[in-house]
């Protein structure tokens, strides 16, 4: 009979990013993006229920029974933290556990340019880290906050669901609020945060009109705000924010974003072919007068060409970074082509 602590240790030993536990399947690890089943018997309904109870609090079990699912985080000793989603499927229990390393990376280790670090000293503005689920957004944001924590005497408030990386007080004071446990919603936490003398606010997920509106306003009124969206690309991110608002407010929001949006870092995590592991590919847009004009004038379709010519500001398109990773022998041609936005452009560059 397999125990939860054995599975958690195996996840860490194998360097897996996720553990999937579902009835009629053996435990499955996600390694370098691939789903790898363990060579064990399929789990029964009793197994998944027992494994769930080993890590789930009474409050989260009540939530599971009431609404069919619960999300939470927990520490596995000093080795790592796990973010858990427990849910019902076909009337039985399923779990997905994601590893959150206790080790914070530097921006260089993540692969971000030095120009990003300069933005962390801004007194106000909005910095967005975007990408699909599992693209490393939380790791990038935690690394940015850690730099501020180490190098600035600031008050940092994070609003997360659940809390992923724990940040001890260093030069900064850090307060971390968990949605569901400490505060009912992102929007409520953000509203309260403005009365708590913050310098830096992290909004774990900008998922609705109220939260996005509060984050944009907070960035405008003298706070450095970090947020995430599930978008790929800078132009798509701007459009997503604007489109959340009613039509009669959209021009005002464009003006607010033109003034306050300092940077969009859009990222993907891709399997490496040169060695085990994964590598991040980035699109980076940094505020310039040209970018501000495009946002204000609703010409986001021209943002990509401005990014292409903005290398001296630390900008690059996703396609140019994918091409660079391919030509350096780090990712495969197939990976590059499936993840790029313009395969014709990339193939012309390779032939050229």
C-alpha atoms as a PDB file:
ATOM      1  CA  UNK A   1       0.000   0.000   0.000  1.00  0.00           C
ATOM      2  CA  UNK A   2       1.629   3.222  -1.172  1.00  0.00           C
ATOM      3  CA  UNK A   3       1.718   6.128   1.300  1.00  0.00           C
ATOM      4  CA  UNK A   4       1.517   9.847   0.551  1.00  0.00           C
ATOM      5  CA  UNK A   5       4.935  10.623   2.076  1.00  0.00           C
ATOM      6  CA  UNK A   6       6.528   8.028  -0.242  1.00  0.00           C
ATOM      7  CA  UNK A   7       4.887   9.635  -3.287  1.00  0.00           C
ATOM      8  CA  UNK A   8       5.952  13.149  -2.237  1.00  0.00           C
ATOM      9  CA  UNK A   9       9.542  12.010  -1.753  1.00  0.00           C
ATOM     10  CA  UNK A  10       9.494  10.315  -5.160  1.00  0.00           C
ATOM     11  CA  UNK A  11       8.251  13.546  -6.794  1.00  0.00           C
ATOM     12  CA  UNK A  12      11.236  15.416  -5.319  1.00  0.00           C
ATOM     13  CA  UNK A  13      13.764  12.641  -6.067  1.00  0.00           C
ATOM     14  CA  UNK A  14      12.657  12.458  -9.717  1.00  0.00           C
ATOM     15  CA  UNK A  15      12.404  16.231 -10.176  1.00  0.00           C
ATOM     16  CA  UNK A  16       8.744  15.967 -11.262  1.00  0.00           C
ATOM     17  CA  UNK A  17       6.630  19.116 -11.528  1.00  0.00           C
ATOM     18  CA  UNK A  18       3.270  17.471 -10.733  1.00  0.00           C
ATOM     19  CA  UNK A  19       1.729  14.339  -9.199  1.00  0.00           C
ATOM     20  CA  UNK A  20      -1.668  13.094 -10.464  1.00  0.00           C
ATOM     21  CA  UNK A  21      -3.728  10.718  -8.320  1.00  0.00           C
ATOM     22  CA  UNK A  22      -6.956   9.381  -9.795  1.00  0.00           C
ATOM     23  CA  UNK A  23      -9.009   6.213  -9.470  1.00  0.00           C
ATOM     24  CA  UNK A  24      -8.280   3.320 -11.914  1.00  0.00           C
ATOM     25  CA  UNK A  25      -4.873   4.783 -12.826  1.00  0.00           C
ATOM     26  CA  UNK A  26      -1.509   4.322 -11.133  1.00  0.00           C
ATOM     27  CA  UNK A  27       0.034   7.528  -9.712  1.00  0.00           C
ATOM     28  CA  UNK A  28       1.364   9.644 -12.601  1.00  0.00           C
ATOM     29  CA  UNK A  29       4.309  12.087 -12.485  1.00  0.00           C
ATOM     30  CA  UNK A  30       4.681  14.973 -14.922  1.00  0.00           C
ATOM     31  CA  UNK A  31       8.375  15.073 -15.811  1.00  0.00           C
ATOM     32  CA  UNK A  32       9.807  17.596 -18.285  1.00  0.00           C
ATOM     33  CA  UNK A  33       6.261  18.154 -19.537  1.00  0.00           C
ATOM     34  CA  UNK A  34       5.522  14.427 -20.131  1.00  0.00           C
ATOM     35  CA  UNK A  35       3.045  12.309 -18.133  1.00  0.00           C
ATOM     36  CA  UNK A  36       4.886   9.257 -16.715  1.00  0.00           C
ATOM     37  CA  UNK A  37       2.815   6.580 -14.879  1.00  0.00           C
ATOM     38  CA  UNK A  38       4.458   4.679 -12.023  1.00  0.00           C
ATOM     39  CA  UNK A  39       4.870   0.918 -12.328  1.00  0.00           C
ATOM     40  CA  UNK A  40       2.309   0.132  -9.605  1.00  0.00           C
ATOM     41  CA  UNK A  41      -1.262  -1.100  -9.353  1.00  0.00           C
ATOM     42  CA  UNK A  42      -4.048   1.323 -10.312  1.00  0.00           C
ATOM     43  CA  UNK A  43      -5.408   3.348  -7.405  1.00  0.00           C
ATOM     44  CA  UNK A  44      -8.799   2.416  -5.945  1.00  0.00           C
ATOM     45  CA  UNK A  45     -11.406   4.863  -4.611  1.00  0.00           C
ATOM     46  CA  UNK A  46     -10.266   3.885  -1.097  1.00  0.00           C
ATOM     47  CA  UNK A  47      -6.630   4.686  -2.019  1.00  0.00           C
ATOM     48  CA  UNK A  48      -7.335   8.207  -3.295  1.00  0.00           C
ATOM     49  CA  UNK A  49      -9.562   8.949  -0.295  1.00  0.00           C
ATOM     50  CA  UNK A  50      -6.836   7.754   2.110  1.00  0.00           C
ATOM     51  CA  UNK A  51      -4.121   9.721   0.294  1.00  0.00           C
ATOM     52  CA  UNK A  52      -6.333  12.837   0.271  1.00  0.00           C
ATOM     53  CA  UNK A  53      -6.938  12.583   4.035  1.00  0.00           C
ATOM     54  CA  UNK A  54      -3.177  12.415   4.676  1.00  0.00           C
ATOM     55  CA  UNK A  55      -2.714  16.033   3.537  1.00  0.00           C
ATOM     56  CA  UNK A  56      -6.133  17.735   3.634  1.00  0.00           C
ATOM     57  CA  UNK A  57      -7.390  19.756   6.614  1.00  0.00           C
ATOM     58  CA  UNK A  58     -10.910  19.390   8.018  1.00  0.00           C
ATOM     59  CA  UNK A  59     -11.843  22.807   6.579  1.00  0.00           C
ATOM     60  CA  UNK A  60     -10.779  21.778   3.070  1.00  0.00           C
ATOM     61  CA  UNK A  61     -12.574  18.418   3.370  1.00  0.00           C
ATOM     62  CA  UNK A  62     -15.768  20.292   4.246  1.00  0.00           C
ATOM     63  CA  UNK A  63     -15.201  22.538   1.215  1.00  0.00           C
ATOM     64  CA  UNK A  64     -14.622  19.449  -0.977  1.00  0.00           C
ATOM     65  CA  UNK A  65     -17.939  18.003   0.197  1.00  0.00           C
ATOM     66  CA  UNK A  66     -19.828  21.279  -0.207  1.00  0.00           C
ATOM     67  CA  UNK A  67     -18.566  22.520  -3.583  1.00  0.00           C
ATOM     68  CA  UNK A  68     -16.788  19.499  -5.067  1.00  0.00           C
ATOM     69  CA  UNK A  69     -13.218  20.783  -4.809  1.00  0.00           C
ATOM     70  CA  UNK A  70     -10.619  22.653  -2.753  1.00  0.00           C
ATOM     71  CA  UNK A  71      -7.232  24.239  -3.429  1.00  0.00           C
ATOM     72  CA  UNK A  72      -4.549  24.672  -0.781  1.00  0.00           C
ATOM     73  CA  UNK A  73      -0.807  24.554  -0.173  1.00  0.00           C
ATOM     74  CA  UNK A  74       1.314  22.752   2.421  1.00  0.00           C
ATOM     75  CA  UNK A  75       4.973  22.401   3.357  1.00  0.00           C
ATOM     76  CA  UNK A  76       6.778  19.061   3.013  1.00  0.00           C
ATOM     77  CA  UNK A  77       9.351  19.574   5.761  1.00  0.00           C
ATOM     78  CA  UNK A  78      12.099  21.953   4.626  1.00  0.00           C
ATOM     79  CA  UNK A  79      12.390  20.274   1.210  1.00  0.00           C
ATOM     80  CA  UNK A  80       9.553  21.903  -0.739  1.00  0.00           C
ATOM     81  CA  UNK A  81       5.967  23.118  -0.735  1.00  0.00           C
ATOM     82  CA  UNK A  82       3.115  21.614  -2.692  1.00  0.00           C
ATOM     83  CA  UNK A  83       0.083  23.319  -4.212  1.00  0.00           C
ATOM     84  CA  UNK A  84      -2.865  20.918  -4.170  1.00  0.00           C
ATOM     85  CA  UNK A  85      -6.131  20.739  -6.054  1.00  0.00           C
ATOM     86  CA  UNK A  86      -8.436  18.040  -4.645  1.00  0.00           C
ATOM     87  CA  UNK A  87     -11.716  17.390  -6.454  1.00  0.00           C
ATOM     88  CA  UNK A  88     -14.528  14.947  -7.093  1.00  0.00           C
ATOM     89  CA  UNK A  89     -14.792  13.148 -10.438  1.00  0.00           C
ATOM     90  CA  UNK A  90     -17.371  10.447 -11.164  1.00  0.00           C
ATOM     91  CA  UNK A  91     -18.247  10.758  -7.468  1.00  0.00           C
ATOM     92  CA  UNK A  92     -14.731   9.778  -6.393  1.00  0.00           C
ATOM     93  CA  UNK A  93     -11.660  11.705  -5.224  1.00  0.00           C
ATOM     94  CA  UNK A  94      -8.911  12.968  -7.522  1.00  0.00           C
ATOM     95  CA  UNK A  95      -5.827  15.019  -6.625  1.00  0.00           C
ATOM     96  CA  UNK A  96      -3.197  17.018  -8.493  1.00  0.00           C
ATOM     97  CA  UNK A  97      -0.169  18.195  -6.519  1.00  0.00           C
ATOM     98  CA  UNK A  98       2.304  20.719  -7.958  1.00  0.00           C
ATOM     99  CA  UNK A  99       5.835  21.056  -6.578  1.00  0.00           C
ATOM    100  CA  UNK A 100       6.921  24.487  -5.394  1.00  0.00           C
ATOM    101  CA  UNK A 101      10.645  24.536  -4.727  1.00  0.00           C
ATOM    102  CA  UNK A 102      11.847  26.339  -1.611  1.00  0.00           C
ATOM    103  CA  UNK A 103      14.824  27.552  -3.645  1.00  0.00           C
ATOM    104  CA  UNK A 104      14.339  30.976  -5.202  1.00  0.00           C
ATOM    105  CA  UNK A 105      16.148  31.485  -8.507  1.00  0.00           C
ATOM    106  CA  UNK A 106      17.935  34.623  -9.637  1.00  0.00           C
ATOM    107  CA  UNK A 107      16.635  36.426 -12.732  1.00  0.00           C
ATOM    108  CA  UNK A 108      19.786  35.240 -14.550  1.00  0.00           C
ATOM    109  CA  UNK A 109      18.997  31.597 -13.683  1.00  0.00           C
ATOM    110  CA  UNK A 110      15.451  32.055 -14.978  1.00  0.00           C
ATOM    111  CA  UNK A 111      16.847  33.627 -18.161  1.00  0.00           C
ATOM    112  CA  UNK A 112      15.492  37.173 -17.829  1.00  0.00           C
ATOM    113  CA  UNK A 113      17.574  40.158 -18.997  1.00  0.00           C
ATOM    114  CA  UNK A 114      19.121  42.654 -16.542  1.00  0.00           C
ATOM    115  CA  UNK A 115      16.686  45.343 -17.788  1.00  0.00           C
ATOM    116  CA  UNK A 116      13.907  43.611 -15.828  1.00  0.00           C
ATOM    117  CA  UNK A 117      15.737  44.146 -12.526  1.00  0.00           C
ATOM    118  CA  UNK A 118      15.715  47.930 -13.041  1.00  0.00           C
ATOM    119  CA  UNK A 119      11.889  47.862 -13.051  1.00  0.00           C
ATOM    120  CA  UNK A 120      11.826  46.413  -9.523  1.00  0.00           C
ATOM    121  CA  UNK A 121      12.992  49.755  -8.123  1.00  0.00           C
ATOM    122  CA  UNK A 122      10.114  51.724  -9.682  1.00  0.00           C
ATOM    123  CA  UNK A 123       7.955  53.527  -7.102  1.00  0.00           C
ATOM    124  CA  UNK A 124       4.743  52.682  -8.971  1.00  0.00           C
ATOM    125  CA  UNK A 125       3.388  50.856 -11.990  1.00  0.00           C
ATOM    126  CA  UNK A 126       2.015  47.514 -13.162  1.00  0.00           C
ATOM    127  CA  UNK A 127       4.273  44.544 -13.983  1.00  0.00           C
ATOM    128  CA  UNK A 128       2.485  41.533 -15.495  1.00  0.00           C
ATOM    129  CA  UNK A 129       3.841  37.992 -15.794  1.00  0.00           C
ATOM    130  CA  UNK A 130       1.638  35.962 -18.140  1.00  0.00           C
ATOM    131  CA  UNK A 131       1.459  32.521 -19.710  1.00  0.00           C
ATOM    132  CA  UNK A 132      -0.512  29.281 -19.574  1.00  0.00           C
ATOM    133  CA  UNK A 133      -0.836  27.164 -16.425  1.00  0.00           C
ATOM    134  CA  UNK A 134       2.487  25.535 -15.538  1.00  0.00           C
ATOM    135  CA  UNK A 135       4.652  28.032 -17.400  1.00  0.00           C
ATOM    136  CA  UNK A 136       6.629  29.140 -14.341  1.00  0.00           C
ATOM    137  CA  UNK A 137       4.844  32.441 -13.642  1.00  0.00           C
ATOM    138  CA  UNK A 138       4.868  31.900  -9.861  1.00  0.00           C
ATOM    139  CA  UNK A 139       8.610  31.164  -9.864  1.00  0.00           C
ATOM    140  CA  UNK A 140       9.373  34.319 -11.866  1.00  0.00           C
ATOM    141  CA  UNK A 141       7.221  36.496  -9.602  1.00  0.00           C
ATOM    142  CA  UNK A 142       8.687  34.985  -6.429  1.00  0.00           C
ATOM    143  CA  UNK A 143      12.192  35.738  -7.718  1.00  0.00           C
ATOM    144  CA  UNK A 144      11.244  39.354  -8.454  1.00  0.00           C
ATOM    145  CA  UNK A 145       9.710  39.806  -4.992  1.00  0.00           C
ATOM    146  CA  UNK A 146      12.771  38.233  -3.374  1.00  0.00           C
ATOM    147  CA  UNK A 147      15.023  40.856  -5.012  1.00  0.00           C
ATOM    148  CA  UNK A 148      12.798  43.637  -3.650  1.00  0.00           C
ATOM    149  CA  UNK A 149      12.732  41.922  -0.232  1.00  0.00           C
ATOM    150  CA  UNK A 150      16.542  41.730  -0.135  1.00  0.00           C
ATOM    151  CA  UNK A 151      17.376  45.124  -1.604  1.00  0.00           C
ATOM    152  CA  UNK A 152      14.556  47.538  -0.691  1.00  0.00           C
ATOM    153  CA  UNK A 153      13.093  48.597   2.667  1.00  0.00           C
ATOM    154  CA  UNK A 154       9.477  48.227   1.568  1.00  0.00           C
ATOM    155  CA  UNK A 155       6.148  46.811   2.711  1.00  0.00           C
ATOM    156  CA  UNK A 156       5.196  43.911   0.431  1.00  0.00           C
ATOM    157  CA  UNK A 157       1.676  42.446   0.478  1.00  0.00           C
ATOM    158  CA  UNK A 158       0.935  39.277  -1.504  1.00  0.00           C
ATOM    159  CA  UNK A 159      -2.594  38.034  -2.252  1.00  0.00           C
ATOM    160  CA  UNK A 160      -2.551  34.406  -3.390  1.00  0.00           C
ATOM    161  CA  UNK A 161      -4.794  31.366  -3.836  1.00  0.00           C
ATOM    162  CA  UNK A 162      -3.095  29.443  -2.287  1.00  0.00           C
ATOM    163  CA  UNK A 163       0.187  30.917  -0.964  1.00  0.00           C
ATOM    164  CA  UNK A 164       2.984  29.276  -2.926  1.00  0.00           C
ATOM    165  CA  UNK A 165       6.421  30.640  -2.017  1.00  0.00           C
ATOM    166  CA  UNK A 166       6.913  31.779   1.589  1.00  0.00           C
ATOM    167  CA  UNK A 167       8.871  35.037   1.853  1.00  0.00           C
ATOM    168  CA  UNK A 168      10.573  35.687   5.230  1.00  0.00           C
ATOM    169  CA  UNK A 169      11.109  39.325   6.227  1.00  0.00           C
ATOM    170  CA  UNK A 170      14.492  40.547   4.973  1.00  0.00           C
ATOM    171  CA  UNK A 171      15.004  44.269   4.312  1.00  0.00           C
ATOM    172  CA  UNK A 172      11.285  44.458   3.596  1.00  0.00           C
ATOM    173  CA  UNK A 173       8.279  43.546   5.719  1.00  0.00           C
ATOM    174  CA  UNK A 174       6.224  40.875   3.912  1.00  0.00           C
ATOM    175  CA  UNK A 175       2.572  40.062   4.645  1.00  0.00           C
ATOM    176  CA  UNK A 176       1.055  37.164   2.682  1.00  0.00           C
ATOM    177  CA  UNK A 177      -2.718  36.726   2.541  1.00  0.00           C
ATOM    178  CA  UNK A 178      -4.375  33.545   1.309  1.00  0.00           C
ATOM    179  CA  UNK A 179      -7.738  33.828  -0.427  1.00  0.00           C
ATOM    180  CA  UNK A 180     -10.230  31.587   1.353  1.00  0.00           C
ATOM    181  CA  UNK A 181      -8.180  31.339   4.566  1.00  0.00           C
ATOM    182  CA  UNK A 182      -7.297  34.980   5.359  1.00  0.00           C
ATOM    183  CA  UNK A 183      -9.647  36.946   3.113  1.00  0.00           C
ATOM    184  CA  UNK A 184     -12.711  35.981   1.014  1.00  0.00           C
ATOM    185  CA  UNK A 185     -11.592  37.217  -2.419  1.00  0.00           C
ATOM    186  CA  UNK A 186      -8.795  38.854  -4.431  1.00  0.00           C
ATOM    187  CA  UNK A 187     -10.877  42.016  -4.892  1.00  0.00           C
ATOM    188  CA  UNK A 188     -11.598  42.333  -1.157  1.00  0.00           C
ATOM    189  CA  UNK A 189      -7.915  41.753  -0.266  1.00  0.00           C
ATOM    190  CA  UNK A 190      -6.798  44.352  -2.794  1.00  0.00           C
ATOM    191  CA  UNK A 191      -9.310  46.891  -1.485  1.00  0.00           C
ATOM    192  CA  UNK A 192      -8.049  46.324   2.089  1.00  0.00           C
ATOM    193  CA  UNK A 193      -4.393  46.341   1.016  1.00  0.00           C
ATOM    194  CA  UNK A 194      -4.589  49.976  -0.035  1.00  0.00           C
ATOM    195  CA  UNK A 195      -5.256  50.872   3.630  1.00  0.00           C
ATOM    196  CA  UNK A 196      -2.276  48.828   4.867  1.00  0.00           C
ATOM    197  CA  UNK A 197       0.505  51.200   3.725  1.00  0.00           C
ATOM    198  CA  UNK A 198       1.915  48.917   0.988  1.00  0.00           C
ATOM    199  CA  UNK A 199       4.750  49.774  -1.383  1.00  0.00           C
ATOM    200  CA  UNK A 200       4.494  46.550  -3.390  1.00  0.00           C
ATOM    201  CA  UNK A 201       1.401  44.397  -3.998  1.00  0.00           C
ATOM    202  CA  UNK A 202       1.333  40.972  -5.663  1.00  0.00           C
ATOM    203  CA  UNK A 203      -2.077  39.904  -7.014  1.00  0.00           C
ATOM    204  CA  UNK A 204      -1.791  36.157  -7.572  1.00  0.00           C
ATOM    205  CA  UNK A 205      -4.463  36.119 -10.255  1.00  0.00           C
ATOM    206  CA  UNK A 206      -6.243  38.973 -12.044  1.00  0.00           C
ATOM    207  CA  UNK A 207      -9.321  36.946 -12.869  1.00  0.00           C
ATOM    208  CA  UNK A 208     -12.312  39.339 -12.838  1.00  0.00           C
ATOM    209  CA  UNK A 209     -13.318  42.922 -13.581  1.00  0.00           C
ATOM    210  CA  UNK A 210     -13.257  44.036  -9.931  1.00  0.00           C
ATOM    211  CA  UNK A 211      -9.739  42.667  -9.287  1.00  0.00           C
ATOM    212  CA  UNK A 212      -8.290  43.960 -12.570  1.00  0.00           C
ATOM    213  CA  UNK A 213      -9.833  47.402 -12.016  1.00  0.00           C
ATOM    214  CA  UNK A 214      -8.461  47.589  -8.450  1.00  0.00           C
ATOM    215  CA  UNK A 215      -4.976  46.460  -9.588  1.00  0.00           C
ATOM    216  CA  UNK A 216      -4.817  49.045 -12.404  1.00  0.00           C
ATOM    217  CA  UNK A 217      -5.965  51.789 -10.016  1.00  0.00           C
ATOM    218  CA  UNK A 218      -3.464  50.734  -7.318  1.00  0.00           C
ATOM    219  CA  UNK A 219      -0.622  50.941  -9.851  1.00  0.00           C
ATOM    220  CA  UNK A 220      -1.811  54.412 -10.799  1.00  0.00           C
ATOM    221  CA  UNK A 221      -1.969  55.701  -7.215  1.00  0.00           C
ATOM    222  CA  UNK A 222       1.617  55.069  -6.176  1.00  0.00           C
ATOM    223  CA  UNK A 223       2.107  51.326  -5.711  1.00  0.00           C
ATOM    224  CA  UNK A 224       4.224  48.797  -7.603  1.00  0.00           C
ATOM    225  CA  UNK A 225       1.725  46.075  -8.513  1.00  0.00           C
ATOM    226  CA  UNK A 226       2.585  42.612  -9.825  1.00  0.00           C
ATOM    227  CA  UNK A 227      -0.077  40.414 -11.394  1.00  0.00           C
ATOM    228  CA  UNK A 228      -0.614  37.342 -13.571  1.00  0.00           C
ATOM    229  CA  UNK A 229      -2.940  36.496 -16.438  1.00  0.00           C
ATOM    230  CA  UNK A 230      -3.310  33.309 -18.478  1.00  0.00           C
ATOM    231  CA  UNK A 231      -2.415  35.020 -21.765  1.00  0.00           C
ATOM    232  CA  UNK A 232       0.449  34.438 -24.197  1.00  0.00           C
ATOM    233  CA  UNK A 233       2.013  37.583 -25.611  1.00  0.00           C
ATOM    234  CA  UNK A 234       2.062  41.264 -24.669  1.00  0.00           C
ATOM    235  CA  UNK A 235      -0.572  42.454 -27.171  1.00  0.00           C
ATOM    236  CA  UNK A 236      -2.984  39.679 -26.141  1.00  0.00           C
ATOM    237  CA  UNK A 237      -2.480  40.617 -22.470  1.00  0.00           C
ATOM    238  CA  UNK A 238      -3.334  44.282 -23.087  1.00  0.00           C
ATOM    239  CA  UNK A 239      -6.403  43.302 -25.138  1.00  0.00           C
ATOM    240  CA  UNK A 240      -7.581  40.867 -22.446  1.00  0.00           C
ATOM    241  CA  UNK A 241      -7.451  43.563 -19.748  1.00  0.00           C
ATOM    242  CA  UNK A 242      -9.244  46.150 -21.902  1.00  0.00           C
ATOM    243  CA  UNK A 243     -11.912  43.666 -23.049  1.00  0.00           C
ATOM    244  CA  UNK A 244     -12.897  42.855 -19.443  1.00  0.00           C
ATOM    245  CA  UNK A 245     -14.282  46.396 -19.063  1.00  0.00           C
ATOM    246  CA  UNK A 246     -17.609  47.696 -20.460  1.00  0.00           C
ATOM    247  CA  UNK A 247     -17.235  49.420 -23.845  1.00  0.00           C
ATOM    248  CA  UNK A 248     -17.817  52.900 -22.398  1.00  0.00           C
ATOM    249  CA  UNK A 249     -14.852  52.472 -20.002  1.00  0.00           C
ATOM    250  CA  UNK A 250     -12.350  50.933 -22.416  1.00  0.00           C
ATOM    251  CA  UNK A 251     -10.738  54.160 -23.622  1.00  0.00           C
ATOM    252  CA  UNK A 252     -10.142  55.277 -20.048  1.00  0.00           C
ATOM    253  CA  UNK A 253      -8.540  51.891 -19.242  1.00  0.00           C
ATOM    254  CA  UNK A 254      -6.277  52.182 -22.297  1.00  0.00           C
ATOM    255  CA  UNK A 255      -5.121  55.575 -21.000  1.00  0.00           C
ATOM    256  CA  UNK A 256      -4.498  54.096 -17.528  1.00  0.00           C
ATOM    257  CA  UNK A 257      -2.514  51.173 -18.992  1.00  0.00           C
ATOM    258  CA  UNK A 258      -0.536  53.481 -21.289  1.00  0.00           C
ATOM    259  CA  UNK A 259       0.541  55.463 -18.220  1.00  0.00           C
ATOM    260  CA  UNK A 260       0.987  52.640 -15.717  1.00  0.00           C
ATOM    261  CA  UNK A 261       1.889  49.381 -17.483  1.00  0.00           C
ATOM    262  CA  UNK A 262       5.666  49.126 -17.024  1.00  0.00           C
ATOM    263  CA  UNK A 263       6.266  45.649 -18.412  1.00  0.00           C
ATOM    264  CA  UNK A 264       4.694  42.429 -19.661  1.00  0.00           C
ATOM    265  CA  UNK A 265       6.748  39.246 -19.351  1.00  0.00           C
ATOM    266  CA  UNK A 266       4.987  36.430 -21.221  1.00  0.00           C
ATOM    267  CA  UNK A 267       6.545  33.001 -20.778  1.00  0.00           C
ATOM    268  CA  UNK A 268       6.377  29.327 -21.721  1.00  0.00           C
ATOM    269  CA  UNK A 269       8.268  26.348 -20.266  1.00  0.00           C
ATOM    270  CA  UNK A 270       9.663  23.949 -22.856  1.00  0.00           C
ATOM    271  CA  UNK A 271      11.474  20.591 -22.608  1.00  0.00           C
ATOM    272  CA  UNK A 272      15.209  20.833 -23.303  1.00  0.00           C
ATOM    273  CA  UNK A 273      17.001  18.520 -25.734  1.00  0.00           C
ATOM    274  CA  UNK A 274      20.568  19.375 -24.625  1.00  0.00           C
ATOM    275  CA  UNK A 275      20.146  18.075 -21.047  1.00  0.00           C
ATOM    276  CA  UNK A 276      17.372  16.999 -18.644  1.00  0.00           C
ATOM    277  CA  UNK A 277      15.003  19.750 -17.542  1.00  0.00           C
ATOM    278  CA  UNK A 278      13.007  22.591 -19.043  1.00  0.00           C
ATOM    279  CA  UNK A 279      13.838  26.081 -20.258  1.00  0.00           C
ATOM    280  CA  UNK A 280      11.737  29.251 -20.255  1.00  0.00           C
ATOM    281  CA  UNK A 281      11.011  31.155 -23.465  1.00  0.00           C
ATOM    282  CA  UNK A 282       9.999  34.790 -23.015  1.00  0.00           C
ATOM    283  CA  UNK A 283       8.306  37.644 -24.776  1.00  0.00           C
ATOM    284  CA  UNK A 284       9.231  40.895 -23.034  1.00  0.00           C
ATOM    285  CA  UNK A 285       7.527  44.245 -23.582  1.00  0.00           C
ATOM    286  CA  UNK A 286       8.845  47.266 -21.669  1.00  0.00           C
ATOM    287  CA  UNK A 287       7.119  50.654 -21.592  1.00  0.00           C
ATOM    288  CA  UNK A 288       8.434  53.200 -24.104  1.00  0.00           C
ATOM    289  CA  UNK A 289       6.728  56.315 -25.555  1.00  0.00           C
ATOM    290  CA  UNK A 290       6.000  54.297 -28.725  1.00  0.00           C
ATOM    291  CA  UNK A 291       4.366  51.439 -26.801  1.00  0.00           C
ATOM    292  CA  UNK A 292       2.353  53.942 -24.733  1.00  0.00           C
ATOM    293  CA  UNK A 293       0.958  55.519 -27.916  1.00  0.00           C
ATOM    294  CA  UNK A 294      -0.051  52.128 -29.335  1.00  0.00           C
ATOM    295  CA  UNK A 295      -1.903  51.192 -26.122  1.00  0.00           C
ATOM    296  CA  UNK A 296      -3.646  54.569 -25.898  1.00  0.00           C
ATOM    297  CA  UNK A 297      -4.658  54.540 -29.592  1.00  0.00           C
ATOM    298  CA  UNK A 298      -5.923  50.911 -29.540  1.00  0.00           C
ATOM    299  CA  UNK A 299      -3.217  49.774 -31.978  1.00  0.00           C
ATOM    300  CA  UNK A 300      -2.028  46.715 -30.063  1.00  0.00           C
ATOM    301  CA  UNK A 301      -1.695  44.822 -33.387  1.00  0.00           C
ATOM    302  CA  UNK A 302       1.473  46.915 -33.911  1.00  0.00           C
ATOM    303  CA  UNK A 303       2.995  46.058 -30.511  1.00  0.00           C
ATOM    304  CA  UNK A 304       4.926  43.025 -31.828  1.00  0.00           C
ATOM    305  CA  UNK A 305       6.803  45.099 -34.426  1.00  0.00           C
ATOM    306  CA  UNK A 306       7.736  47.660 -31.729  1.00  0.00           C
ATOM    307  CA  UNK A 307       9.021  44.835 -29.517  1.00  0.00           C
ATOM    308  CA  UNK A 308      11.138  43.528 -32.446  1.00  0.00           C
ATOM    309  CA  UNK A 309      12.873  46.890 -32.777  1.00  0.00           C
ATOM    310  CA  UNK A 310      13.157  47.453 -29.004  1.00  0.00           C
ATOM    311  CA  UNK A 311      16.094  45.151 -28.253  1.00  0.00           C
ATOM    312  CA  UNK A 312      18.121  48.041 -26.798  1.00  0.00           C
ATOM    313  CA  UNK A 313      15.429  48.452 -24.110  1.00  0.00           C
ATOM    314  CA  UNK A 314      15.581  44.725 -23.230  1.00  0.00           C
ATOM    315  CA  UNK A 315      12.585  43.691 -25.349  1.00  0.00           C
ATOM    316  CA  UNK A 316      12.176  40.602 -27.500  1.00  0.00           C
ATOM    317  CA  UNK A 317       9.330  38.711 -29.174  1.00  0.00           C
ATOM    318  CA  UNK A 318       8.481  35.142 -28.226  1.00  0.00           C
ATOM    319  CA  UNK A 319       9.311  33.941 -31.746  1.00  0.00           C
ATOM    320  CA  UNK A 320      12.787  35.515 -31.713  1.00  0.00           C
ATOM    321  CA  UNK A 321      13.552  33.894 -28.340  1.00  0.00           C
ATOM    322  CA  UNK A 322      12.267  30.495 -29.542  1.00  0.00           C
ATOM    323  CA  UNK A 323      14.491  30.791 -32.616  1.00  0.00           C
ATOM    324  CA  UNK A 324      17.466  31.679 -30.417  1.00  0.00           C
ATOM    325  CA  UNK A 325      16.843  28.638 -28.179  1.00  0.00           C
ATOM    326  CA  UNK A 326      16.533  26.369 -31.245  1.00  0.00           C
ATOM    327  CA  UNK A 327      19.718  27.692 -32.872  1.00  0.00           C
ATOM    328  CA  UNK A 328      21.563  27.213 -29.565  1.00  0.00           C
ATOM    329  CA  UNK A 329      20.550  23.516 -29.579  1.00  0.00           C
ATOM    330  CA  UNK A 330      18.419  23.862 -26.443  1.00  0.00           C
ATOM    331  CA  UNK A 331      14.941  23.055 -27.853  1.00  0.00           C
ATOM    332  CA  UNK A 332      13.765  20.952 -30.784  1.00  0.00           C
ATOM    333  CA  UNK A 333      12.487  22.280 -34.115  1.00  0.00           C
ATOM    334  CA  UNK A 334       9.078  20.680 -33.429  1.00  0.00           C
ATOM    335  CA  UNK A 335       8.809  22.421 -30.046  1.00  0.00           C
ATOM    336  CA  UNK A 336       9.713  25.772 -31.599  1.00  0.00           C
ATOM    337  CA  UNK A 337       7.204  25.464 -34.458  1.00  0.00           C
ATOM    338  CA  UNK A 338       4.297  24.314 -32.254  1.00  0.00           C
ATOM    339  CA  UNK A 339       4.821  27.166 -29.757  1.00  0.00           C
ATOM    340  CA  UNK A 340       5.642  30.055 -32.137  1.00  0.00           C
ATOM    341  CA  UNK A 341       3.100  32.596 -33.397  1.00  0.00           C
ATOM    342  CA  UNK A 342       4.424  32.948 -36.955  1.00  0.00           C
ATOM    343  CA  UNK A 343       5.939  29.755 -38.385  1.00  0.00           C
ATOM    344  CA  UNK A 344       6.492  31.424 -41.790  1.00  0.00           C
ATOM    345  CA  UNK A 345       8.661  34.138 -40.194  1.00  0.00           C
ATOM    346  CA  UNK A 346      10.699  31.534 -38.303  1.00  0.00           C
ATOM    347  CA  UNK A 347      11.244  29.291 -41.346  1.00  0.00           C
ATOM    348  CA  UNK A 348      12.298  32.283 -43.440  1.00  0.00           C
ATOM    349  CA  UNK A 349      14.835  33.248 -40.752  1.00  0.00           C
ATOM    350  CA  UNK A 350      16.236  29.695 -40.694  1.00  0.00           C
ATOM    351  CA  UNK A 351      16.516  29.573 -44.504  1.00  0.00           C
ATOM    352  CA  UNK A 352      17.907  33.125 -44.616  1.00  0.00           C
END
